[in-house]
Amino acid sequence: MQREQTSDKLVGQRIRAARRAHELNQEELSARLGVHRNSLVRYERGERGIDVELLVKIASELKVTLHWLVTGEGEMTQPPDVPEADRLPVRWIPVLGQVPAGFPQYTNEVVLGHLPVPEATAKHPQTFALIVHGDSMEPRLSDGDRVIICPDTTPANRAIVVALIDGETTIKELKITRQGRKNIHILTPANSEYPPHVMGEPDRIIGRVVAVQKMLE
């Protein structure tokens, strides 16, 4: 809860800064957004969370990037407008802090934000994203990379998958070997300093990685 309140406050500070940069008062911006001025005051103070649809509208009105508005990272201002015919269709997918046991039922506790991805990448309605933590998949995946996950409980051999091991989320390469009449599923890290994991009865695969957004800094 404290983390959410801090995040809301920082988003509110960025809204205020962008509004003042455009020399708009709260009355003017609230009228453009179609919200009550008191609501905008609470947003800017971080006293109230903002849904994704309104965040997109605020970013558009203030000519700032949604990524900067939500995270404070990257460029503040939007790039030059692209004609509608040239725009790539996108979907907004949730970025999860972890894979909930009740997947695909997301809760506010596990959704960190939302990420725009091409519709062609997010064909499955429950496509989601995770942020890579640690170096077990170096050099294929690095700490901080965003991976796009398509739900899939039976991915092919050599797929990069997301699995739940002892209730913890892990991202590894899946290797399937035959032992007699039984298939053995092994989760293998790219970094040789980490051991592989032979999947047991309670372990389960949630999905496979279909795309990666590399973080260069």
Protein backbone atom coordinates (compact mmCIF):
# COMPACT_ATOMS: atom_id res chain seq x y z
CA MET A 1 0.00 0.00 0.00
CA GLN A 2 2.82 2.40 0.87
CA ARG A 3 4.46 1.67 -2.49
CA GLU A 4 1.21 2.47 -4.36
CA GLN A 5 0.81 5.75 -2.46
CA THR A 6 4.39 6.76 -3.27
CA SER A 7 3.88 5.90 -6.96
CA ASP A 8 0.62 7.91 -7.12
CA LYS A 9 2.37 10.90 -5.53
CA LEU A 10 5.22 10.83 -8.06
CA VAL A 11 2.80 10.55 -10.98
CA GLY A 12 0.88 13.51 -9.54
CA GLN A 13 4.08 15.56 -9.32
CA ARG A 14 4.83 14.85 -12.99
CA ILE A 15 1.29 15.84 -14.02
CA ARG A 16 1.68 19.13 -12.13
CA ALA A 17 5.09 19.81 -13.70
CA ALA A 18 3.85 19.10 -17.24
CA ARG A 19 0.71 21.20 -16.68
CA ARG A 20 2.75 24.17 -15.50
CA ALA A 21 5.15 23.75 -18.43
CA HIS A 22 2.15 24.29 -20.71
CA GLU A 23 1.04 27.26 -18.57
CA LEU A 24 -2.30 25.66 -17.78
CA ASN A 25 -4.10 26.07 -14.48
CA GLN A 26 -6.01 23.22 -12.85
CA GLU A 27 -9.36 24.57 -14.03
CA GLU A 28 -8.22 24.59 -17.67
CA LEU A 29 -6.70 21.10 -17.61
CA SER A 30 -9.62 19.53 -15.75
CA ALA A 31 -12.00 21.00 -18.36
CA ARG A 32 -9.94 19.47 -21.19
CA LEU A 33 -9.90 16.11 -19.43
CA GLY A 34 -13.59 16.18 -18.58
CA VAL A 35 -12.98 15.68 -14.86
CA HIS A 36 -13.88 17.80 -11.85
CA ARG A 37 -11.16 20.22 -10.70
CA ASN A 38 -11.22 18.66 -7.23
CA SER A 39 -10.39 15.28 -8.77
CA LEU A 40 -7.41 16.78 -10.60
CA VAL A 41 -6.23 18.36 -7.34
CA ARG A 42 -6.30 14.94 -5.67
CA TYR A 43 -4.48 13.34 -8.61
CA GLU A 44 -1.71 15.92 -8.45
CA ARG A 45 -1.37 15.47 -4.69
CA GLY A 46 -1.14 11.70 -5.09
CA GLU A 47 -4.23 11.19 -2.95
CA ARG A 48 -6.03 9.19 -5.61
CA GLY A 49 -4.92 6.57 -8.14
CA ILE A 50 -5.50 7.17 -11.85
CA ASP A 51 -6.78 4.52 -14.25
CA VAL A 52 -4.93 3.79 -17.49
CA GLU A 53 -7.54 5.41 -19.75
CA LEU A 54 -7.27 8.75 -17.95
CA LEU A 55 -3.45 8.54 -17.84
CA VAL A 56 -3.43 8.14 -21.64
CA LYS A 57 -5.69 11.19 -21.98
CA ILE A 58 -3.52 13.28 -19.63
CA ALA A 59 -0.36 12.31 -21.54
CA SER A 60 -2.03 13.32 -24.81
CA GLU A 61 -3.28 16.67 -23.49
CA LEU A 62 0.09 17.57 -21.96
CA LYS A 63 2.11 16.24 -24.94
CA VAL A 64 4.22 13.94 -22.77
CA THR A 65 5.01 10.26 -23.17
CA LEU A 66 2.92 7.85 -21.14
CA HIS A 67 6.07 5.97 -20.10
CA TRP A 68 7.58 9.12 -18.60
CA LEU A 69 4.31 10.06 -16.93
CA VAL A 70 3.99 6.66 -15.24
CA THR A 71 7.65 5.88 -14.47
CA GLY A 72 9.59 9.16 -14.72
CA GLU A 73 11.99 7.39 -17.10
CA GLY A 74 12.94 8.22 -20.69
CA GLU A 75 11.97 11.27 -22.71
CA MET A 76 9.30 13.54 -21.28
CA THR A 77 7.93 14.89 -24.55
CA GLN A 78 6.15 12.91 -27.22
CA PRO A 79 7.85 12.22 -30.58
CA PRO A 80 6.40 13.88 -33.73
CA ASP A 81 2.90 12.74 -34.54
CA VAL A 82 2.63 9.78 -36.93
CA PRO A 83 -0.24 9.62 -39.44
CA GLU A 84 -2.97 7.19 -38.38
CA ALA A 85 -2.40 5.00 -41.45
CA ASP A 86 1.24 4.49 -40.48
CA ARG A 87 0.64 3.62 -36.84
CA LEU A 88 1.16 0.05 -35.65
CA PRO A 89 -1.93 -1.28 -33.83
CA VAL A 90 -1.10 -1.82 -30.16
CA ARG A 91 -2.63 -3.39 -27.08
CA TRP A 92 -1.99 -2.43 -23.47
CA ILE A 93 -0.99 -5.46 -21.41
CA PRO A 94 -0.43 -5.66 -17.63
CA VAL A 95 3.11 -5.70 -16.26
CA LEU A 96 3.10 -8.10 -13.32
CA GLY A 97 5.36 -8.11 -10.31
CA GLN A 98 4.74 -11.83 -9.99
CA VAL A 99 2.49 -14.49 -11.47
CA PRO A 100 -0.48 -14.88 -9.10
CA ALA A 101 -1.55 -18.38 -8.07
CA GLY A 102 -5.00 -17.63 -9.47
CA PHE A 103 -3.66 -16.74 -12.92
CA PRO A 104 -5.11 -15.28 -15.08
CA GLN A 105 -7.03 -13.40 -12.35
CA TYR A 106 -4.88 -10.29 -11.84
CA THR A 107 -5.10 -8.21 -8.67
CA ASN A 108 -3.92 -4.68 -7.87
CA GLU A 109 -1.19 -6.18 -5.71
CA VAL A 110 0.59 -7.83 -8.65
CA VAL A 111 -0.06 -5.34 -11.50
CA LEU A 112 2.79 -2.81 -11.60
CA GLY A 113 1.52 -0.94 -14.65
CA HIS A 114 0.63 -1.44 -18.30
CA LEU A 115 2.80 -1.74 -21.41
CA PRO A 116 1.90 -1.04 -25.06
CA VAL A 117 2.86 -3.88 -27.41
CA PRO A 118 1.97 -4.63 -31.06
CA GLU A 119 -1.32 -6.45 -31.44
CA ALA A 120 0.47 -9.13 -33.47
CA THR A 121 2.63 -9.89 -30.41
CA ALA A 122 -0.29 -9.90 -27.97
CA LYS A 123 -2.70 -12.15 -29.84
CA HIS A 124 -3.72 -14.09 -26.73
CA PRO A 125 -6.24 -12.09 -24.64
CA GLN A 126 -4.30 -12.90 -21.43
CA THR A 127 -0.87 -11.84 -22.71
CA PHE A 128 1.12 -10.14 -19.96
CA ALA A 129 4.62 -8.82 -19.24
CA LEU A 130 7.20 -9.46 -16.55
CA ILE A 131 10.37 -7.61 -15.59
CA VAL A 132 13.44 -9.84 -15.50
CA HIS A 133 15.23 -9.91 -12.14
CA GLY A 134 18.72 -11.32 -11.69
CA ASP A 135 21.28 -12.71 -14.12
CA SER A 136 20.35 -16.41 -14.39
CA MET A 137 19.40 -15.94 -18.06
CA GLU A 138 22.39 -13.83 -19.08
CA PRO A 139 23.31 -13.12 -21.83
CA ARG A 140 19.93 -13.97 -23.42
CA LEU A 141 17.92 -11.94 -20.92
CA SER A 142 19.28 -9.22 -18.66
CA ASP A 143 18.14 -7.74 -15.37
CA GLY A 144 15.46 -5.13 -16.08
CA ASP A 145 14.40 -6.50 -19.50
CA ARG A 146 10.66 -6.63 -20.16
CA VAL A 147 9.50 -10.01 -21.44
CA ILE A 148 6.14 -10.48 -23.14
CA ILE A 149 4.45 -13.72 -22.08
CA CYS A 150 1.80 -15.70 -23.94
CA PRO A 151 -0.08 -18.10 -21.63
CA ASP A 152 0.88 -21.65 -22.66
CA THR A 153 1.00 -24.67 -20.35
CA THR A 154 2.51 -27.02 -22.97
CA PRO A 155 5.24 -25.06 -24.78
CA ALA A 156 7.63 -26.73 -27.21
CA ASN A 157 11.12 -27.93 -26.38
CA ARG A 158 13.71 -25.12 -26.12
CA ALA A 159 11.07 -22.43 -25.49
CA ILE A 160 11.83 -19.71 -22.95
CA VAL A 161 9.13 -20.15 -20.35
CA VAL A 162 7.73 -18.67 -17.15
CA ALA A 163 7.11 -21.23 -14.43
CA LEU A 164 5.98 -21.31 -10.82
CA ILE A 165 8.43 -23.16 -8.57
CA ASP A 166 7.48 -23.33 -4.88
CA GLY A 167 5.21 -20.34 -5.47
CA GLU A 168 8.03 -18.25 -6.97
CA THR A 169 8.12 -17.01 -10.56
CA THR A 170 11.11 -18.03 -12.66
CA ILE A 171 12.10 -17.54 -16.31
CA LYS A 172 14.17 -20.32 -17.87
CA GLU A 173 14.70 -22.32 -21.07
CA LEU A 174 12.60 -25.47 -21.17
CA LYS A 175 14.35 -28.67 -22.20
CA ILE A 176 12.24 -31.79 -22.67
CA THR A 177 13.98 -35.17 -22.60
CA ARG A 178 12.63 -38.68 -22.79
CA GLN A 179 13.21 -41.15 -19.96
CA GLY A 180 11.59 -44.44 -20.81
CA ARG A 181 7.96 -43.64 -21.49
CA LYS A 182 8.02 -40.40 -19.54
CA ASN A 183 8.91 -36.86 -20.62
CA ILE A 184 11.21 -35.04 -18.22
CA HIS A 185 10.89 -31.23 -18.15
CA ILE A 186 14.04 -29.39 -17.13
CA LEU A 187 14.23 -25.63 -16.56
CA THR A 188 17.68 -24.55 -17.67
CA PRO A 189 19.34 -21.18 -16.99
CA ALA A 190 21.47 -19.57 -19.71
CA ASN A 191 24.05 -18.62 -17.06
CA SER A 192 26.12 -21.71 -16.25
CA GLU A 193 26.65 -20.48 -12.68
CA TYR A 194 23.08 -21.50 -11.88
CA PRO A 195 21.88 -25.13 -11.70
CA PRO A 196 19.03 -26.55 -13.82
CA HIS A 197 15.78 -27.57 -12.16
CA VAL A 198 13.91 -30.79 -12.91
CA MET A 199 10.22 -29.99 -12.71
CA GLY A 200 8.22 -31.94 -10.15
CA GLU A 201 4.53 -32.49 -9.44
CA PRO A 202 3.76 -29.10 -7.78
CA ASP A 203 5.70 -27.09 -10.39
CA ARG A 204 3.85 -25.70 -13.37
CA ILE A 205 4.53 -23.78 -16.55
CA ILE A 206 2.48 -20.59 -16.97
CA GLY A 207 3.51 -19.36 -20.42
CA ARG A 208 6.26 -18.78 -22.94
CA VAL A 209 8.24 -15.68 -23.83
CA VAL A 210 7.22 -14.34 -27.26
CA ALA A 211 9.10 -11.02 -27.24
CA VAL A 212 11.67 -9.09 -25.26
CA GLN A 213 12.11 -5.35 -24.72
CA LYS A 214 15.80 -4.90 -23.98
CA MET A 215 16.78 -2.19 -21.52
CA LEU A 216 20.01 -0.57 -22.66
CA GLU A 217 20.56 1.52 -19.52
